[in-house]
Full PDB file with SEQRES, HELIX, SHEET, SSBOND, CRYST1, ORIGX, SCALE, CONECT and MASTER records, all heavy atoms in Angstrom:
SEQRES   1 A   34  LEU SER CYS ALA ALA SER GLY THR ARG PHE SER MET HIS          
SEQRES   2 A   34  VAL MET GLY TRP HIS ARG GLN ALA PRO GLY LYS GLN ARG          
SEQRES   3 A   34  GLU MET PHE ALA THR ILE ARG GLY                              
HELIX    1 AA1 PHE A   10  MET A   12  5                                   3    
SHEET    1 AA1 2 VAL A  14  GLN A  20  0                                        
SHEET    2 AA1 2 ARG A  26  ARG A  33 -1                                        
CRYST1    1.000    1.000    1.000  90.00  90.00  90.00 P 1           1          
ORIGX1      1.000000  0.000000  0.000000        0.00000                         
ORIGX2      0.000000  1.000000  0.000000        0.00000                         
ORIGX3      0.000000  0.000000  1.000000        0.00000                         
SCALE1      1.000000  0.000000  0.000000        0.00000                         
SCALE2      0.000000  1.000000  0.000000        0.00000                         
SCALE3      0.000000  0.000000  1.000000        0.00000                         
ATOM      1  N   LEU A   1     -11.079  11.879  -3.522  1.00  0.00           N  
ATOM      2  CA  LEU A   1     -10.650  12.523  -4.825  1.00  0.00           C  
ATOM      3  C   LEU A   1     -11.775  12.508  -5.792  1.00  0.00           C  
ATOM      4  O   LEU A   1     -12.628  11.598  -5.748  1.00  0.00           O  
ATOM      5  CB  LEU A   1      -9.448  11.832  -5.375  1.00  0.00           C  
ATOM      6  CG  LEU A   1      -8.230  11.614  -4.453  1.00  0.00           C  
ATOM      7  CD1 LEU A   1      -7.062  11.030  -5.271  1.00  0.00           C  
ATOM      8  CD2 LEU A   1      -7.796  12.943  -3.819  1.00  0.00           C  
ATOM      9  N   SER A   2     -11.774  13.481  -6.706  1.00  0.00           N  
ATOM     10  CA  SER A   2     -12.776  13.575  -7.699  1.00  0.00           C  
ATOM     11  C   SER A   2     -12.081  13.679  -9.108  1.00  0.00           C  
ATOM     12  O   SER A   2     -10.997  14.252  -9.192  1.00  0.00           O  
ATOM     13  CB  SER A   2     -13.672  14.785  -7.540  1.00  0.00           C  
ATOM     14  OG  SER A   2     -14.330  14.783  -6.295  1.00  0.00           O  
ATOM     15  N   CYS A   3     -12.760  13.128 -10.067  1.00  0.00           N  
ATOM     16  CA  CYS A   3     -12.301  13.274 -11.476  1.00  0.00           C  
ATOM     17  C   CYS A   3     -13.540  13.613 -12.317  1.00  0.00           C  
ATOM     18  O   CYS A   3     -14.410  12.724 -12.516  1.00  0.00           O  
ATOM     19  CB  CYS A   3     -11.620  12.015 -11.944  1.00  0.00           C  
ATOM     20  SG  CYS A   3     -11.052  12.073 -13.659  1.00  0.00           S  
ATOM     21  N   ALA A   4     -13.523  14.849 -12.756  1.00  0.00           N  
ATOM     22  CA  ALA A   4     -14.694  15.294 -13.577  1.00  0.00           C  
ATOM     23  C   ALA A   4     -14.341  15.289 -15.019  1.00  0.00           C  
ATOM     24  O   ALA A   4     -13.266  15.733 -15.413  1.00  0.00           O  
ATOM     25  CB  ALA A   4     -15.130  16.707 -13.176  1.00  0.00           C  
ATOM     26  N   ALA A   5     -15.211  14.664 -15.870  1.00  0.00           N  
ATOM     27  CA  ALA A   5     -14.919  14.529 -17.205  1.00  0.00           C  
ATOM     28  C   ALA A   5     -15.804  15.421 -18.065  1.00  0.00           C  
ATOM     29  O   ALA A   5     -16.961  15.634 -17.755  1.00  0.00           O  
ATOM     30  CB  ALA A   5     -15.121  13.098 -17.712  1.00  0.00           C  
ATOM     31  N   SER A   6     -15.293  15.911 -19.170  1.00  0.00           N  
ATOM     32  CA  SER A   6     -16.082  16.579 -20.173  1.00  0.00           C  
ATOM     33  C   SER A   6     -15.691  16.068 -21.570  1.00  0.00           C  
ATOM     34  O   SER A   6     -14.555  15.579 -21.747  1.00  0.00           O  
ATOM     35  CB  SER A   6     -15.825  18.119 -20.097  1.00  0.00           C  
ATOM     36  OG  SER A   6     -14.461  18.439 -20.303  1.00  0.00           O  
ATOM     37  N   GLY A   7     -16.567  16.074 -22.501  1.00  0.00           N  
ATOM     38  CA  GLY A   7     -16.332  15.620 -23.862  1.00  0.00           C  
ATOM     39  C   GLY A   7     -16.623  14.139 -24.060  1.00  0.00           C  
ATOM     40  O   GLY A   7     -16.528  13.669 -25.250  1.00  0.00           O  
ATOM     41  N   THR A   8     -16.868  13.381 -23.007  1.00  0.00           N  
ATOM     42  CA  THR A   8     -17.245  11.991 -23.155  1.00  0.00           C  
ATOM     43  C   THR A   8     -17.938  11.576 -21.806  1.00  0.00           C  
ATOM     44  O   THR A   8     -17.990  12.356 -20.881  1.00  0.00           O  
ATOM     45  CB  THR A   8     -16.066  11.142 -23.432  1.00  0.00           C  
ATOM     46  OG1 THR A   8     -16.505   9.763 -23.742  1.00  0.00           O  
ATOM     47  CG2 THR A   8     -15.109  11.012 -22.232  1.00  0.00           C  
ATOM     48  N   ARG A   9     -18.416  10.341 -21.766  1.00  0.00           N  
ATOM     49  CA  ARG A   9     -19.060   9.808 -20.602  1.00  0.00           C  
ATOM     50  C   ARG A   9     -18.195   8.681 -20.021  1.00  0.00           C  
ATOM     51  O   ARG A   9     -17.695   7.862 -20.716  1.00  0.00           O  
ATOM     52  CB  ARG A   9     -20.407   9.254 -20.965  1.00  0.00           C  
ATOM     53  CG  ARG A   9     -21.388  10.243 -21.590  1.00  0.00           C  
ATOM     54  CD  ARG A   9     -21.830  11.283 -20.657  1.00  0.00           C  
ATOM     55  NE  ARG A   9     -22.539  10.797 -19.485  1.00  0.00           N  
ATOM     56  CZ  ARG A   9     -22.960  11.514 -18.476  1.00  0.00           C  
ATOM     57  NH1 ARG A   9     -22.795  12.880 -18.563  1.00  0.00           N  
ATOM     58  NH2 ARG A   9     -23.627  10.982 -17.447  1.00  0.00           N  
ATOM     59  N   PHE A  10     -18.085   8.682 -18.676  1.00  0.00           N  
ATOM     60  CA  PHE A  10     -17.277   7.650 -18.021  1.00  0.00           C  
ATOM     61  C   PHE A  10     -17.843   6.226 -18.369  1.00  0.00           C  
ATOM     62  O   PHE A  10     -17.110   5.266 -18.486  1.00  0.00           O  
ATOM     63  CB  PHE A  10     -17.270   7.776 -16.494  1.00  0.00           C  
ATOM     64  CG  PHE A  10     -16.297   8.864 -16.044  1.00  0.00           C  
ATOM     65  CD1 PHE A  10     -16.733   9.984 -15.416  1.00  0.00           C  
ATOM     66  CD2 PHE A  10     -14.958   8.608 -16.154  1.00  0.00           C  
ATOM     67  CE1 PHE A  10     -15.886  10.979 -14.947  1.00  0.00           C  
ATOM     68  CE2 PHE A  10     -14.053   9.582 -15.692  1.00  0.00           C  
ATOM     69  CZ  PHE A  10     -14.490  10.713 -15.154  1.00  0.00           C  
ATOM     70  N   SER A  11     -19.119   6.164 -18.409  1.00  0.00           N  
ATOM     71  CA  SER A  11     -19.783   4.899 -18.635  1.00  0.00           C  
ATOM     72  C   SER A  11     -19.466   4.191 -19.918  1.00  0.00           C  
ATOM     73  O   SER A  11     -19.678   3.041 -20.129  1.00  0.00           O  
ATOM     74  CB  SER A  11     -21.341   5.003 -18.452  1.00  0.00           C  
ATOM     75  OG  SER A  11     -21.805   5.938 -19.433  1.00  0.00           O  
ATOM     76  N   MET A  12     -18.825   4.890 -20.841  1.00  0.00           N  
ATOM     77  CA  MET A  12     -18.540   4.400 -22.149  1.00  0.00           C  
ATOM     78  C   MET A  12     -17.130   3.839 -22.216  1.00  0.00           C  
ATOM     79  O   MET A  12     -16.755   3.204 -23.206  1.00  0.00           O  
ATOM     80  CB  MET A  12     -18.689   5.548 -23.216  1.00  0.00           C  
ATOM     81  CG  MET A  12     -20.073   6.119 -23.315  1.00  0.00           C  
ATOM     82  SD  MET A  12     -20.116   7.602 -24.381  1.00  0.00           S  
ATOM     83  CE  MET A  12     -19.589   6.841 -25.895  1.00  0.00           C  
ATOM     84  N   HIS A  13     -16.296   4.062 -21.257  1.00  0.00           N  
ATOM     85  CA  HIS A  13     -14.863   3.693 -21.341  1.00  0.00           C  
ATOM     86  C   HIS A  13     -14.341   3.100 -20.093  1.00  0.00           C  
ATOM     87  O   HIS A  13     -15.061   2.930 -19.122  1.00  0.00           O  
ATOM     88  CB  HIS A  13     -14.115   4.973 -21.652  1.00  0.00           C  
ATOM     89  CG  HIS A  13     -14.594   5.801 -22.769  1.00  0.00           C  
ATOM     90  ND1 HIS A  13     -14.583   5.352 -24.093  1.00  0.00           N  
ATOM     91  CD2 HIS A  13     -15.281   6.972 -22.784  1.00  0.00           C  
ATOM     92  CE1 HIS A  13     -15.164   6.276 -24.854  1.00  0.00           C  
ATOM     93  NE2 HIS A  13     -15.598   7.235 -24.126  1.00  0.00           N  
ATOM     94  N   VAL A  14     -13.082   2.678 -20.204  1.00  0.00           N  
ATOM     95  CA  VAL A  14     -12.312   2.269 -18.990  1.00  0.00           C  
ATOM     96  C   VAL A  14     -11.621   3.483 -18.338  1.00  0.00           C  
ATOM     97  O   VAL A  14     -10.921   4.224 -19.034  1.00  0.00           O  
ATOM     98  CB  VAL A  14     -11.255   1.188 -19.359  1.00  0.00           C  
ATOM     99  CG1 VAL A  14     -10.437   0.797 -18.121  1.00  0.00           C  
ATOM    100  CG2 VAL A  14     -11.905   0.009 -19.983  1.00  0.00           C  
ATOM    101  N   MET A  15     -11.846   3.598 -17.098  1.00  0.00           N  
ATOM    102  CA  MET A  15     -11.213   4.746 -16.395  1.00  0.00           C  
ATOM    103  C   MET A  15     -10.440   4.163 -15.232  1.00  0.00           C  
ATOM    104  O   MET A  15     -10.820   3.247 -14.534  1.00  0.00           O  
ATOM    105  CB  MET A  15     -12.310   5.730 -15.913  1.00  0.00           C  
ATOM    106  CG  MET A  15     -11.764   6.904 -15.170  1.00  0.00           C  
ATOM    107  SD  MET A  15     -11.674   6.616 -13.360  1.00  0.00           S  
ATOM    108  CE  MET A  15     -10.998   8.151 -12.836  1.00  0.00           C  
ATOM    109  N   GLY A  16      -9.168   4.684 -15.082  1.00  0.00           N  
ATOM    110  CA  GLY A  16      -8.336   4.220 -14.009  1.00  0.00           C  
ATOM    111  C   GLY A  16      -7.784   5.307 -13.148  1.00  0.00           C  
ATOM    112  O   GLY A  16      -7.634   6.447 -13.550  1.00  0.00           O  
ATOM    113  N   TRP A  17      -7.526   4.935 -11.900  1.00  0.00           N  
ATOM    114  CA  TRP A  17      -6.830   5.839 -10.988  1.00  0.00           C  
ATOM    115  C   TRP A  17      -5.393   5.344 -10.873  1.00  0.00           C  
ATOM    116  O   TRP A  17      -5.106   4.140 -10.715  1.00  0.00           O  
ATOM    117  CB  TRP A  17      -7.475   5.868  -9.591  1.00  0.00           C  
ATOM    118  CG  TRP A  17      -8.722   6.683  -9.504  1.00  0.00           C  
ATOM    119  CD1 TRP A  17      -9.984   6.289  -9.556  1.00  0.00           C  
ATOM    120  CD2 TRP A  17      -8.743   8.094  -9.345  1.00  0.00           C  
ATOM    121  NE1 TRP A  17     -10.878   7.348  -9.488  1.00  0.00           N  
ATOM    122  CE2 TRP A  17     -10.067   8.460  -9.327  1.00  0.00           C  
ATOM    123  CE3 TRP A  17      -7.740   9.172  -9.225  1.00  0.00           C  
ATOM    124  CZ2 TRP A  17     -10.491   9.769  -9.173  1.00  0.00           C  
ATOM    125  CZ3 TRP A  17      -8.206  10.395  -9.114  1.00  0.00           C  
ATOM    126  CH2 TRP A  17      -9.568  10.789  -9.071  1.00  0.00           C  
ATOM    127  N   HIS A  18      -4.459   6.295 -10.994  1.00  0.00           N  
ATOM    128  CA  HIS A  18      -3.078   5.965 -10.954  1.00  0.00           C  
ATOM    129  C   HIS A  18      -2.381   6.825  -9.917  1.00  0.00           C  
ATOM    130  O   HIS A  18      -2.841   7.914  -9.585  1.00  0.00           O  
ATOM    131  CB  HIS A  18      -2.424   6.327 -12.323  1.00  0.00           C  
ATOM    132  CG  HIS A  18      -3.118   5.682 -13.512  1.00  0.00           C  
ATOM    133  ND1 HIS A  18      -2.560   4.710 -14.269  1.00  0.00           N  
ATOM    134  CD2 HIS A  18      -4.351   5.825 -14.044  1.00  0.00           C  
ATOM    135  CE1 HIS A  18      -3.342   4.318 -15.229  1.00  0.00           C  
ATOM    136  NE2 HIS A  18      -4.508   4.965 -15.071  1.00  0.00           N  
ATOM    137  N   ARG A  19      -1.295   6.275  -9.472  1.00  0.00           N  
ATOM    138  CA  ARG A  19      -0.554   7.021  -8.416  1.00  0.00           C  
ATOM    139  C   ARG A  19       0.970   7.030  -8.804  1.00  0.00           C  
ATOM    140  O   ARG A  19       1.495   5.985  -9.262  1.00  0.00           O  
ATOM    141  CB  ARG A  19      -0.645   6.351  -7.063  1.00  0.00           C  
ATOM    142  CG  ARG A  19       0.190   6.913  -5.955  1.00  0.00           C  
ATOM    143  CD  ARG A  19      -0.230   6.199  -4.640  1.00  0.00           C  
ATOM    144  NE  ARG A  19      -0.006   4.789  -4.637  1.00  0.00           N  
ATOM    145  CZ  ARG A  19      -0.627   3.948  -3.864  1.00  0.00           C  
ATOM    146  NH1 ARG A  19      -1.606   4.342  -3.085  1.00  0.00           N  
ATOM    147  NH2 ARG A  19      -0.340   2.661  -3.924  1.00  0.00           N  
ATOM    148  N   GLN A  20       1.570   8.178  -8.629  1.00  0.00           N  
ATOM    149  CA  GLN A  20       3.020   8.284  -8.858  1.00  0.00           C  
ATOM    150  C   GLN A  20       3.692   8.722  -7.591  1.00  0.00           C  
ATOM    151  O   GLN A  20       3.527   9.919  -7.167  1.00  0.00           O  
ATOM    152  CB  GLN A  20       3.363   9.211 -10.003  1.00  0.00           C  
ATOM    153  CG  GLN A  20       4.836   9.156 -10.388  1.00  0.00           C  
ATOM    154  CD  GLN A  20       5.107   9.750 -11.768  1.00  0.00           C  
ATOM    155  OE1 GLN A  20       4.225  10.467 -12.333  1.00  0.00           O  
ATOM    156  NE2 GLN A  20       6.242   9.495 -12.336  1.00  0.00           N  
ATOM    157  N   ALA A  21       4.357   7.780  -6.886  1.00  0.00           N  
ATOM    158  CA  ALA A  21       5.085   8.178  -5.686  1.00  0.00           C  
ATOM    159  C   ALA A  21       6.403   8.798  -6.072  1.00  0.00           C  
ATOM    160  O   ALA A  21       6.892   8.625  -7.177  1.00  0.00           O  
ATOM    161  CB  ALA A  21       5.369   6.896  -4.910  1.00  0.00           C  
ATOM    162  N   PRO A  22       6.970   9.610  -5.144  1.00  0.00           N  
ATOM    163  CA  PRO A  22       8.233  10.239  -5.384  1.00  0.00           C  
ATOM    164  C   PRO A  22       9.302   9.331  -5.920  1.00  0.00           C  
ATOM    165  O   PRO A  22       9.596   8.301  -5.196  1.00  0.00           O  
ATOM    166  CB  PRO A  22       8.594  10.901  -4.056  1.00  0.00           C  
ATOM    167  CG  PRO A  22       7.288  11.107  -3.386  1.00  0.00           C  
ATOM    168  CD  PRO A  22       6.431   9.940  -3.814  1.00  0.00           C  
ATOM    169  N   GLY A  23       9.921   9.577  -7.000  1.00  0.00           N  
ATOM    170  CA  GLY A  23      11.027   8.720  -7.499  1.00  0.00           C  
ATOM    171  C   GLY A  23      10.569   7.419  -8.138  1.00  0.00           C  
ATOM    172  O   GLY A  23      11.439   6.616  -8.444  1.00  0.00           O  
ATOM    173  N   LYS A  24       9.294   7.208  -8.264  1.00  0.00           N  
ATOM    174  CA  LYS A  24       8.777   5.913  -8.824  1.00  0.00           C  
ATOM    175  C   LYS A  24       7.946   6.160 -10.041  1.00  0.00           C  
ATOM    176  O   LYS A  24       7.488   7.295 -10.308  1.00  0.00           O  
ATOM    177  CB  LYS A  24       8.012   5.192  -7.759  1.00  0.00           C  
ATOM    178  CG  LYS A  24       8.801   4.787  -6.571  1.00  0.00           C  
ATOM    179  CD  LYS A  24       7.983   3.900  -5.597  1.00  0.00           C  
ATOM    180  CE  LYS A  24       8.877   3.424  -4.466  1.00  0.00           C  
ATOM    181  NZ  LYS A  24       8.114   2.588  -3.532  1.00  0.00           N  
ATOM    182  N   GLN A  25       7.664   5.115 -10.766  1.00  0.00           N  
ATOM    183  CA  GLN A  25       6.828   5.193 -11.962  1.00  0.00           C  
ATOM    184  C   GLN A  25       5.387   5.250 -11.548  1.00  0.00           C  
ATOM    185  O   GLN A  25       4.979   4.782 -10.490  1.00  0.00           O  
ATOM    186  CB  GLN A  25       7.130   3.930 -12.819  1.00  0.00           C  
ATOM    187  CG  GLN A  25       8.445   3.928 -13.535  1.00  0.00           C  
ATOM    188  CD  GLN A  25       8.541   2.770 -14.494  1.00  0.00           C  
ATOM    189  OE1 GLN A  25       7.910   1.782 -14.386  1.00  0.00           O  
ATOM    190  NE2 GLN A  25       9.322   2.991 -15.582  1.00  0.00           N  
ATOM    191  N   ARG A  26       4.623   5.796 -12.475  1.00  0.00           N  
ATOM    192  CA  ARG A  26       3.194   5.803 -12.242  1.00  0.00           C  
ATOM    193  C   ARG A  26       2.593   4.445 -12.292  1.00  0.00           C  
ATOM    194  O   ARG A  26       2.961   3.631 -13.185  1.00  0.00           O  
ATOM    195  CB  ARG A  26       2.516   6.756 -13.414  1.00  0.00           C  
ATOM    196  CG  ARG A  26       1.098   7.091 -13.085  1.00  0.00           C  
ATOM    197  CD  ARG A  26       0.571   8.048 -14.174  1.00  0.00           C  
ATOM    198  NE  ARG A  26       1.342   9.267 -14.274  1.00  0.00           N  
ATOM    199  CZ  ARG A  26       1.048  10.281 -15.113  1.00  0.00           C  
ATOM    200  NH1 ARG A  26       0.021  10.153 -15.877  1.00  0.00           N  
ATOM    201  NH2 ARG A  26       1.786  11.346 -15.083  1.00  0.00           N  
ATOM    202  N   GLU A  27       1.717   4.094 -11.397  1.00  0.00           N  
ATOM    203  CA  GLU A  27       1.104   2.809 -11.313  1.00  0.00           C  
ATOM    204  C   GLU A  27      -0.403   2.942 -11.177  1.00  0.00           C  
ATOM    205  O   GLU A  27      -0.900   3.772 -10.485  1.00  0.00           O  
ATOM    206  CB  GLU A  27       1.676   1.941 -10.183  1.00  0.00           C  
ATOM    207  CG  GLU A  27       1.457   2.568  -8.794  1.00  0.00           C  
ATOM    208  CD  GLU A  27       1.921   1.654  -7.715  1.00  0.00           C  
ATOM    209  OE1 GLU A  27       2.435   0.538  -7.976  1.00  0.00           O  
ATOM    210  OE2 GLU A  27       1.764   2.072  -6.522  1.00  0.00           O  
ATOM    211  N   MET A  28      -1.127   2.066 -11.854  1.00  0.00           N  
ATOM    212  CA  MET A  28      -2.523   2.061 -11.751  1.00  0.00           C  
ATOM    213  C   MET A  28      -2.952   1.159 -10.601  1.00  0.00           C  
ATOM    214  O   MET A  28      -2.389   0.017 -10.419  1.00  0.00           O  
ATOM    215  CB  MET A  28      -3.145   1.496 -13.055  1.00  0.00           C  
ATOM    216  CG  MET A  28      -4.661   1.528 -13.088  1.00  0.00           C  
ATOM    217  SD  MET A  28      -5.318   1.197 -14.731  1.00  0.00           S  
ATOM    218  CE  MET A  28      -4.697  -0.460 -14.990  1.00  0.00           C  
ATOM    219  N   PHE A  29      -3.928   1.566  -9.746  1.00  0.00           N  
ATOM    220  CA  PHE A  29      -4.335   0.829  -8.609  1.00  0.00           C  
ATOM    221  C   PHE A  29      -5.820   0.553  -8.550  1.00  0.00           C  
ATOM    222  O   PHE A  29      -6.254  -0.144  -7.705  1.00  0.00           O  
ATOM    223  CB  PHE A  29      -3.818   1.428  -7.312  1.00  0.00           C  
ATOM    224  CG  PHE A  29      -4.356   2.800  -7.089  1.00  0.00           C  
ATOM    225  CD1 PHE A  29      -5.566   2.985  -6.372  1.00  0.00           C  
ATOM    226  CD2 PHE A  29      -3.733   3.905  -7.505  1.00  0.00           C  
ATOM    227  CE1 PHE A  29      -6.116   4.266  -6.181  1.00  0.00           C  
ATOM    228  CE2 PHE A  29      -4.198   5.188  -7.302  1.00  0.00           C  
ATOM    229  CZ  PHE A  29      -5.398   5.370  -6.598  1.00  0.00           C  
ATOM    230  N   ALA A  30      -6.595   1.234  -9.453  1.00  0.00           N  
ATOM    231  CA  ALA A  30      -8.016   0.997  -9.422  1.00  0.00           C  
ATOM    232  C   ALA A  30      -8.600   1.325 -10.805  1.00  0.00           C  
ATOM    233  O   ALA A  30      -8.106   2.267 -11.450  1.00  0.00           O  
ATOM    234  CB  ALA A  30      -8.697   1.896  -8.348  1.00  0.00           C  
ATOM    235  N   THR A  31      -9.539   0.566 -11.217  1.00  0.00           N  
ATOM    236  CA  THR A  31     -10.209   0.830 -12.488  1.00  0.00           C  
ATOM    237  C   THR A  31     -11.750   0.638 -12.333  1.00  0.00           C  
ATOM    238  O   THR A  31     -12.270  -0.106 -11.464  1.00  0.00           O  
ATOM    239  CB  THR A  31      -9.743  -0.096 -13.607  1.00  0.00           C  
ATOM    240  OG1 THR A  31     -10.012  -1.444 -13.230  1.00  0.00           O  
ATOM    241  CG2 THR A  31      -8.262   0.050 -13.860  1.00  0.00           C  
ATOM    242  N   ILE A  32     -12.438   1.296 -13.242  1.00  0.00           N  
ATOM    243  CA  ILE A  32     -13.872   1.060 -13.375  1.00  0.00           C  
ATOM    244  C   ILE A  32     -14.140   1.029 -14.890  1.00  0.00           C  
ATOM    245  O   ILE A  32     -13.746   1.892 -15.668  1.00  0.00           O  
ATOM    246  CB  ILE A  32     -14.694   2.151 -12.649  1.00  0.00           C  
ATOM    247  CG1 ILE A  32     -16.195   1.875 -12.814  1.00  0.00           C  
ATOM    248  CG2 ILE A  32     -14.405   3.555 -13.120  1.00  0.00           C  
ATOM    249  CD1 ILE A  32     -17.041   2.674 -11.848  1.00  0.00           C  
ATOM    250  N   ARG A  33     -14.867  -0.043 -15.230  1.00  0.00           N  
ATOM    251  CA  ARG A  33     -15.139  -0.299 -16.718  1.00  0.00           C  
ATOM    252  C   ARG A  33     -16.671  -0.146 -16.958  1.00  0.00           C  
ATOM    253  O   ARG A  33     -17.461  -0.724 -16.198  1.00  0.00           O  
ATOM    254  CB  ARG A  33     -14.690  -1.713 -17.027  1.00  0.00           C  
ATOM    255  CG  ARG A  33     -13.231  -1.896 -16.868  1.00  0.00           C  
ATOM    256  CD  ARG A  33     -12.829  -3.403 -17.037  1.00  0.00           C  
ATOM    257  NE  ARG A  33     -11.384  -3.595 -16.733  1.00  0.00           N  
ATOM    258  CZ  ARG A  33     -10.446  -3.516 -17.693  1.00  0.00           C  
ATOM    259  NH1 ARG A  33     -10.768  -3.286 -18.961  1.00  0.00           N  
ATOM    260  NH2 ARG A  33      -9.185  -3.729 -17.346  1.00  0.00           N  
ATOM    261  N   GLY A  34     -16.931   0.618 -17.924  1.00  0.00           N  
ATOM    262  CA  GLY A  34     -18.344   0.766 -18.328  1.00  0.00           C  
ATOM    263  C   GLY A  34     -19.196   1.405 -17.226  1.00  0.00           C  
ATOM    264  O   GLY A  34     -20.403   1.222 -17.228  1.00  0.00           O  
TER     265      GLY A  34                                                      
MASTER        0    0    0    1    2    0    0    6  264    1    0    3          
END                                                                             
């Protein structure tokens, strides 16, 4: 998967990948900081 950003830089923030399975709440499973 890819996540392209505009308007800011990934290196400046916390970015997370989240997954929402059918019938379930969205959950975060991976992050990258700075």
